[in-house]
Amino acid sequence: MGIGIYISHSSADNADALALDEALRHPRGLDPESVEVETWLDKSDILLGGDYASEIVTGQRRCQAGVFLLSDAALASAEVRRE
């Protein structure tokens, strides 16, 4: 298992968050087998019907690092501020 990275973002920035998730897990020019990064992203890691708030806390606790995707929407988001 590699390092876990929690990705925090506003839902308005979903496309950018998914691109960041992909870039962290599959960096260009590196052998995929050598990359030891696992990401946590709500769109991928919370099952439909799951307890959103509880799943976020669980995701945060499982990760060793966090990335905050900052944008005007994220800065205005109460949920991002809580994270």
N, C-alpha and C. Protein backbone atom coordinates (compact mmCIF):
# COMPACT_ATOMS: atom_id res chain seq x y z
N MET A 1 0.84 -1.19 0.00
CA MET A 1 0.00 0.00 0.00
C MET A 1 0.88 1.24 0.00
N GLY A 2 0.49 2.22 -0.78
CA GLY A 2 1.23 3.46 -0.86
C GLY A 2 0.64 4.52 0.05
N ILE A 3 1.06 5.73 -0.17
CA ILE A 3 0.54 6.85 0.60
C ILE A 3 -0.88 7.16 0.14
N GLY A 4 -1.75 7.46 1.10
CA GLY A 4 -3.13 7.84 0.78
C GLY A 4 -3.26 9.35 0.74
N ILE A 5 -3.89 9.85 -0.29
CA ILE A 5 -4.08 11.30 -0.44
C ILE A 5 -5.58 11.58 -0.56
N TYR A 6 -6.08 12.39 0.36
CA TYR A 6 -7.47 12.82 0.38
C TYR A 6 -7.61 14.06 -0.50
N ILE A 7 -8.57 14.06 -1.41
CA ILE A 7 -8.77 15.21 -2.30
C ILE A 7 -10.06 15.92 -1.90
N SER A 8 -9.92 17.15 -1.43
CA SER A 8 -11.06 17.98 -1.04
C SER A 8 -11.33 18.98 -2.15
N HIS A 9 -12.61 19.14 -2.49
CA HIS A 9 -12.98 20.06 -3.57
C HIS A 9 -14.46 20.40 -3.49
N SER A 10 -14.84 21.44 -4.18
CA SER A 10 -16.24 21.78 -4.34
C SER A 10 -16.84 20.93 -5.46
N SER A 11 -18.11 20.60 -5.33
CA SER A 11 -18.75 19.82 -6.39
C SER A 11 -18.74 20.58 -7.72
N ALA A 12 -18.61 21.89 -7.67
CA ALA A 12 -18.51 22.68 -8.91
C ALA A 12 -17.22 22.38 -9.65
N ASP A 13 -16.25 21.80 -8.95
CA ASP A 13 -14.94 21.51 -9.53
C ASP A 13 -14.72 20.01 -9.74
N ASN A 14 -15.80 19.25 -9.91
CA ASN A 14 -15.69 17.80 -10.07
C ASN A 14 -14.74 17.40 -11.20
N ALA A 15 -14.84 18.04 -12.33
CA ALA A 15 -13.99 17.66 -13.48
C ALA A 15 -12.52 17.86 -13.14
N ASP A 16 -12.19 18.96 -12.49
CA ASP A 16 -10.80 19.21 -12.09
C ASP A 16 -10.34 18.22 -11.03
N ALA A 17 -11.22 17.88 -10.11
CA ALA A 17 -10.87 16.91 -9.06
C ALA A 17 -10.60 15.53 -9.66
N LEU A 18 -11.42 15.13 -10.62
CA LEU A 18 -11.20 13.84 -11.29
C LEU A 18 -9.89 13.84 -12.07
N ALA A 19 -9.56 14.96 -12.71
CA ALA A 19 -8.29 15.06 -13.45
C ALA A 19 -7.11 15.00 -12.48
N LEU A 20 -7.22 15.66 -11.34
CA LEU A 20 -6.16 15.62 -10.32
C LEU A 20 -6.00 14.20 -9.78
N ASP A 21 -7.10 13.54 -9.51
CA ASP A 21 -7.10 12.16 -9.04
C ASP A 21 -6.35 11.27 -10.03
N GLU A 22 -6.67 11.40 -11.29
CA GLU A 22 -6.03 10.61 -12.34
C GLU A 22 -4.53 10.90 -12.41
N ALA A 23 -4.17 12.18 -12.34
CA ALA A 23 -2.75 12.57 -12.43
C ALA A 23 -1.94 12.04 -11.24
N LEU A 24 -2.54 12.03 -10.06
CA LEU A 24 -1.83 11.52 -8.88
C LEU A 24 -1.65 10.00 -8.95
N ARG A 25 -2.66 9.32 -9.44
CA ARG A 25 -2.59 7.85 -9.49
C ARG A 25 -1.80 7.34 -10.68
N HIS A 26 -1.76 8.11 -11.78
CA HIS A 26 -1.08 7.67 -13.00
C HIS A 26 -0.22 8.79 -13.57
N PRO A 27 0.86 9.16 -12.87
CA PRO A 27 1.70 10.25 -13.38
C PRO A 27 2.33 9.89 -14.72
N ARG A 28 2.36 10.85 -15.61
CA ARG A 28 2.97 10.63 -16.93
C ARG A 28 4.44 10.31 -16.80
N GLY A 29 4.88 9.39 -17.62
CA GLY A 29 6.29 9.06 -17.67
C GLY A 29 6.76 8.08 -16.62
N LEU A 30 5.87 7.65 -15.73
CA LEU A 30 6.26 6.69 -14.70
C LEU A 30 5.58 5.35 -14.95
N ASP A 31 6.29 4.30 -14.62
CA ASP A 31 5.72 2.96 -14.69
C ASP A 31 4.60 2.87 -13.65
N PRO A 32 3.38 2.52 -14.07
CA PRO A 32 2.26 2.44 -13.12
C PRO A 32 2.53 1.54 -11.93
N GLU A 33 3.36 0.53 -12.13
CA GLU A 33 3.68 -0.39 -11.03
C GLU A 33 4.56 0.26 -9.97
N SER A 34 5.25 1.35 -10.34
CA SER A 34 6.16 2.00 -9.39
C SER A 34 5.47 3.09 -8.57
N VAL A 35 4.26 3.45 -8.94
CA VAL A 35 3.55 4.52 -8.25
C VAL A 35 2.84 3.94 -7.03
N GLU A 36 3.17 4.49 -5.88
CA GLU A 36 2.57 4.01 -4.64
C GLU A 36 1.69 5.09 -4.02
N VAL A 37 0.72 5.55 -4.80
CA VAL A 37 -0.22 6.57 -4.34
C VAL A 37 -1.62 6.02 -4.49
N GLU A 38 -2.39 6.16 -3.43
CA GLU A 38 -3.80 5.84 -3.47
C GLU A 38 -4.55 7.11 -3.13
N THR A 39 -5.59 7.41 -3.86
CA THR A 39 -6.33 8.63 -3.60
C THR A 39 -7.69 8.30 -3.02
N TRP A 40 -8.25 9.29 -2.34
CA TRP A 40 -9.62 9.18 -1.84
C TRP A 40 -10.36 10.38 -2.38
N LEU A 41 -11.41 10.11 -3.14
CA LEU A 41 -12.22 11.15 -3.77
C LEU A 41 -13.68 10.77 -3.59
N ASP A 42 -14.48 11.68 -3.09
CA ASP A 42 -15.86 11.34 -2.77
C ASP A 42 -16.62 10.69 -3.93
N LYS A 43 -16.41 11.17 -5.14
CA LYS A 43 -17.15 10.64 -6.29
C LYS A 43 -16.82 9.17 -6.56
N SER A 44 -15.63 8.73 -6.17
CA SER A 44 -15.21 7.36 -6.41
C SER A 44 -15.37 6.48 -5.18
N ASP A 45 -15.31 7.08 -4.00
CA ASP A 45 -15.18 6.28 -2.79
C ASP A 45 -16.39 6.27 -1.87
N ILE A 46 -17.41 7.03 -2.17
CA ILE A 46 -18.65 6.97 -1.39
C ILE A 46 -19.69 6.25 -2.24
N LEU A 47 -20.18 5.16 -1.70
CA LEU A 47 -21.18 4.38 -2.42
C LEU A 47 -22.51 5.11 -2.43
N LEU A 48 -23.28 4.91 -3.47
CA LEU A 48 -24.61 5.49 -3.59
C LEU A 48 -25.43 5.12 -2.36
N GLY A 49 -25.98 6.11 -1.71
CA GLY A 49 -26.78 5.88 -0.51
C GLY A 49 -25.97 5.85 0.76
N GLY A 50 -24.64 6.02 0.65
CA GLY A 50 -23.78 6.00 1.83
C GLY A 50 -23.96 7.26 2.67
N ASP A 51 -23.55 7.19 3.92
CA ASP A 51 -23.60 8.32 4.83
C ASP A 51 -22.45 9.26 4.47
N TYR A 52 -22.76 10.31 3.73
CA TYR A 52 -21.76 11.20 3.16
C TYR A 52 -20.79 11.74 4.21
N ALA A 53 -21.30 12.32 5.29
CA ALA A 53 -20.44 12.94 6.30
C ALA A 53 -19.54 11.89 6.96
N SER A 54 -20.10 10.76 7.31
CA SER A 54 -19.34 9.70 7.95
C SER A 54 -18.26 9.14 7.01
N GLU A 55 -18.61 8.97 5.75
CA GLU A 55 -17.65 8.44 4.78
C GLU A 55 -16.49 9.41 4.55
N ILE A 56 -16.76 10.70 4.57
CA ILE A 56 -15.69 11.69 4.41
C ILE A 56 -14.71 11.60 5.58
N VAL A 57 -15.23 11.52 6.79
CA VAL A 57 -14.35 11.41 7.97
C VAL A 57 -13.52 10.13 7.88
N THR A 58 -14.14 9.03 7.48
CA THR A 58 -13.42 7.77 7.33
C THR A 58 -12.33 7.91 6.27
N GLY A 59 -12.65 8.54 5.15
CA GLY A 59 -11.65 8.76 4.10
C GLY A 59 -10.49 9.60 4.57
N GLN A 60 -10.78 10.65 5.31
CA GLN A 60 -9.71 11.51 5.83
C GLN A 60 -8.79 10.74 6.78
N ARG A 61 -9.36 9.92 7.61
CA ARG A 61 -8.56 9.16 8.59
C ARG A 61 -7.69 8.11 7.93
N ARG A 62 -8.10 7.60 6.79
CA ARG A 62 -7.33 6.57 6.10
C ARG A 62 -6.15 7.15 5.32
N CYS A 63 -6.15 8.45 5.11
CA CYS A 63 -5.12 9.09 4.28
C CYS A 63 -4.04 9.73 5.14
N GLN A 64 -2.84 9.78 4.57
CA GLN A 64 -1.71 10.41 5.25
C GLN A 64 -1.50 11.86 4.81
N ALA A 65 -2.15 12.27 3.74
CA ALA A 65 -1.99 13.63 3.22
C ALA A 65 -3.31 14.10 2.62
N GLY A 66 -3.43 15.39 2.50
CA GLY A 66 -4.62 15.98 1.91
C GLY A 66 -4.26 17.03 0.89
N VAL A 67 -5.07 17.10 -0.15
CA VAL A 67 -4.92 18.13 -1.19
C VAL A 67 -6.24 18.88 -1.25
N PHE A 68 -6.18 20.19 -1.15
CA PHE A 68 -7.38 21.00 -1.26
C PHE A 68 -7.34 21.72 -2.59
N LEU A 69 -8.29 21.40 -3.44
CA LEU A 69 -8.42 22.02 -4.75
C LEU A 69 -9.17 23.34 -4.53
N LEU A 70 -8.41 24.43 -4.51
CA LEU A 70 -9.01 25.72 -4.19
C LEU A 70 -9.50 26.44 -5.44
N SER A 71 -10.70 26.96 -5.31
CA SER A 71 -11.33 27.75 -6.36
C SER A 71 -12.29 28.70 -5.65
N ASP A 72 -12.89 29.60 -6.39
CA ASP A 72 -13.89 30.48 -5.78
C ASP A 72 -15.02 29.66 -5.18
N ALA A 73 -15.44 28.61 -5.88
CA ALA A 73 -16.52 27.76 -5.39
C ALA A 73 -16.11 27.03 -4.11
N ALA A 74 -14.87 26.55 -4.05
CA ALA A 74 -14.39 25.85 -2.85
C ALA A 74 -14.31 26.80 -1.66
N LEU A 75 -13.82 28.00 -1.90
CA LEU A 75 -13.69 28.98 -0.82
C LEU A 75 -15.05 29.42 -0.29
N ALA A 76 -16.09 29.33 -1.11
CA ALA A 76 -17.44 29.69 -0.69
C ALA A 76 -18.20 28.51 -0.09
N SER A 77 -17.62 27.33 -0.14
CA SER A 77 -18.31 26.11 0.31
C SER A 77 -18.13 25.87 1.80
N ALA A 78 -19.24 25.77 2.52
CA ALA A 78 -19.18 25.46 3.94
C ALA A 78 -18.61 24.06 4.16
N GLU A 79 -18.93 23.13 3.28
CA GLU A 79 -18.43 21.76 3.42
C GLU A 79 -16.91 21.70 3.26
N VAL A 80 -16.36 22.40 2.30
CA VAL A 80 -14.91 22.43 2.12
C VAL A 80 -14.25 23.06 3.35
N ARG A 81 -14.84 24.10 3.90
CA ARG A 81 -14.27 24.72 5.11
C ARG A 81 -14.27 23.72 6.27
N ARG A 82 -15.32 22.91 6.40
CA ARG A 82 -15.35 21.90 7.47
C ARG A 82 -14.27 20.85 7.28
N GLU A 83 -14.00 20.50 6.03
CA GLU A 83 -12.99 19.48 5.76
C GLU A 83 -11.62 20.01 6.12
